[in-house]
C-alpha atoms as a PDB file:
ATOM      1  CA  MET A   1     -19.751  -8.321 -17.085  1.00  0.00           C
ATOM      2  CA  GLU A   2     -23.651  -8.118 -16.590  1.00  0.00           C
ATOM      3  CA  THR A   3     -25.328  -5.031 -15.361  1.00  0.00           C
ATOM      4  CA  THR A   4     -28.278  -4.338 -13.337  1.00  0.00           C
ATOM      5  CA  LYS A   5     -30.260  -1.323 -13.152  1.00  0.00           C
ATOM      6  CA  VAL A   6     -31.614  -0.169  -9.665  1.00  0.00           C
ATOM      7  CA  ARG A   7     -33.958   2.619  -8.624  1.00  0.00           C
ATOM      8  CA  MET A   8     -32.559   4.863  -6.024  1.00  0.00           C
ATOM      9  CA  SER A   9     -33.067   8.668  -4.703  1.00  0.00           C
ATOM     10  CA  ARG A  10     -31.163  11.784  -6.241  1.00  0.00           C
ATOM     11  CA  GLY A  11     -29.844  12.265  -2.853  1.00  0.00           C
ATOM     12  CA  LYS A  12     -28.415   8.675  -2.820  1.00  0.00           C
ATOM     13  CA  PHE A  13     -26.940   8.894  -6.363  1.00  0.00           C
ATOM     14  CA  ASN A  14     -25.253  12.032  -5.749  1.00  0.00           C
ATOM     15  CA  GLY A  15     -23.544  10.579  -2.416  1.00  0.00           C
ATOM     16  CA  ILE A  16     -22.509   7.630  -4.128  1.00  0.00           C
ATOM     17  CA  ASN A  17     -20.834   9.570  -6.653  1.00  0.00           C
ATOM     18  CA  ALA A  18     -19.203  11.907  -4.153  1.00  0.00           C
ATOM     19  CA  VAL A  19     -17.101   9.143  -2.859  1.00  0.00           C
ATOM     20  CA  ALA A  20     -16.288   7.273  -6.306  1.00  0.00           C
ATOM     21  CA  ASP A  21     -13.566   8.216  -8.548  1.00  0.00           C
ATOM     22  CA  GLU A  22     -13.645   9.132 -12.050  1.00  0.00           C
ATOM     23  CA  GLN A  23     -14.141   5.326 -13.107  1.00  0.00           C
ATOM     24  CA  GLY A  24     -16.815   4.858 -10.531  1.00  0.00           C
ATOM     25  CA  VAL A  25     -15.061   3.281  -8.261  1.00  0.00           C
ATOM     26  CA  ILE A  26     -15.185   3.488  -4.475  1.00  0.00           C
ATOM     27  CA  ALA A  27     -12.266   2.762  -2.581  1.00  0.00           C
ATOM     28  CA  ALA A  28     -12.646   1.377   1.128  1.00  0.00           C
ATOM     29  CA  ALA A  29     -10.779   0.112   3.731  1.00  0.00           C
ATOM     30  CA  ALA A  30     -11.689  -2.470   6.462  1.00  0.00           C
ATOM     31  CA  MET A  31      -9.460  -2.811   9.314  1.00  0.00           C
ATOM     32  CA  ASP A  32      -9.694  -5.647  12.286  1.00  0.00           C
ATOM     33  CA  GLN A  33     -10.552  -4.047  15.308  1.00  0.00           C
ATOM     34  CA  ARG A  34     -11.441  -6.972  17.284  1.00  0.00           C
ATOM     35  CA  GLY A  35      -7.936  -7.151  18.873  1.00  0.00           C
ATOM     36  CA  SER A  36      -5.391  -7.982  16.299  1.00  0.00           C
ATOM     37  CA  LEU A  37      -4.916  -4.769  15.240  1.00  0.00           C
ATOM     38  CA  ARG A  38      -4.732  -3.431  19.038  1.00  0.00           C
ATOM     39  CA  LYS A  39      -2.153  -6.662  19.607  1.00  0.00           C
ATOM     40  CA  ALA A  40      -0.003  -5.686  16.763  1.00  0.00           C
ATOM     41  CA  ILE A  41       0.505  -2.015  17.728  1.00  0.00           C
ATOM     42  CA  ALA A  42       1.083  -3.107  21.321  1.00  0.00           C
ATOM     43  CA  LYS A  43       3.965  -5.547  20.251  1.00  0.00           C
ATOM     44  CA  ALA A  44       5.380  -2.878  17.940  1.00  0.00           C
ATOM     45  CA  GLN A  45       5.256  -0.211  20.863  1.00  0.00           C
ATOM     46  CA  GLY A  46       6.145  -2.505  23.582  1.00  0.00           C
ATOM     47  CA  SER A  47       3.130  -1.426  25.634  1.00  0.00           C
ATOM     48  CA  ASP A  48      -0.835  -1.697  25.323  1.00  0.00           C
ATOM     49  CA  ALA A  49      -2.212   0.443  22.500  1.00  0.00           C
ATOM     50  CA  SER A  50      -5.083   3.094  23.413  1.00  0.00           C
ATOM     51  CA  ASP A  51      -8.343   3.441  21.772  1.00  0.00           C
ATOM     52  CA  ALA A  52      -6.845   6.775  20.374  1.00  0.00           C
ATOM     53  CA  GLN A  53      -3.725   4.936  18.955  1.00  0.00           C
ATOM     54  CA  VAL A  54      -5.570   2.571  16.872  1.00  0.00           C
ATOM     55  CA  SER A  55      -7.912   5.093  15.432  1.00  0.00           C
ATOM     56  CA  GLU A  56      -5.087   7.206  14.775  1.00  0.00           C
ATOM     57  CA  PHE A  57      -3.504   4.238  12.820  1.00  0.00           C
ATOM     58  CA  LYS A  58      -6.765   3.629  11.107  1.00  0.00           C
ATOM     59  CA  ILE A  59      -6.732   7.481  10.063  1.00  0.00           C
ATOM     60  CA  LEU A  60      -2.928   6.961   8.859  1.00  0.00           C
ATOM     61  CA  VAL A  61      -3.679   4.155   6.872  1.00  0.00           C
ATOM     62  CA  THR A  62      -6.830   5.520   5.082  1.00  0.00           C
ATOM     63  CA  GLU A  63      -5.128   8.690   4.414  1.00  0.00           C
ATOM     64  CA  VAL A  64      -2.269   6.757   2.941  1.00  0.00           C
ATOM     65  CA  SER A  65      -4.547   4.595   0.597  1.00  0.00           C
ATOM     66  CA  TRP A  66      -6.656   7.586  -0.529  1.00  0.00           C
ATOM     67  CA  MET A  67      -3.411   9.516  -1.561  1.00  0.00           C
ATOM     68  CA  ARG A  68      -1.902   6.708  -3.292  1.00  0.00           C
ATOM     69  CA  GLY A  69      -5.530   5.983  -5.349  1.00  0.00           C
ATOM     70  CA  PRO A  70      -6.643   2.537  -6.628  1.00  0.00           C
ATOM     71  CA  MET A  71      -4.338  -0.416  -7.001  1.00  0.00           C
END
């Protein structure tokens, strides 16, 4: 694996390290918000999904993923 050195401020470096695990891995979740997620929630509950429900789903997925740790 090739590495490349970059210059960054101490603040940016500290911010990146704050969200990384012990191995330097940053866990991130990308969730579709253009309609597919809203449609899936609506289908599961039998009625339209509100913005609050979509947000709650994303928060819950993120929390569960964070507790589970890296895959």
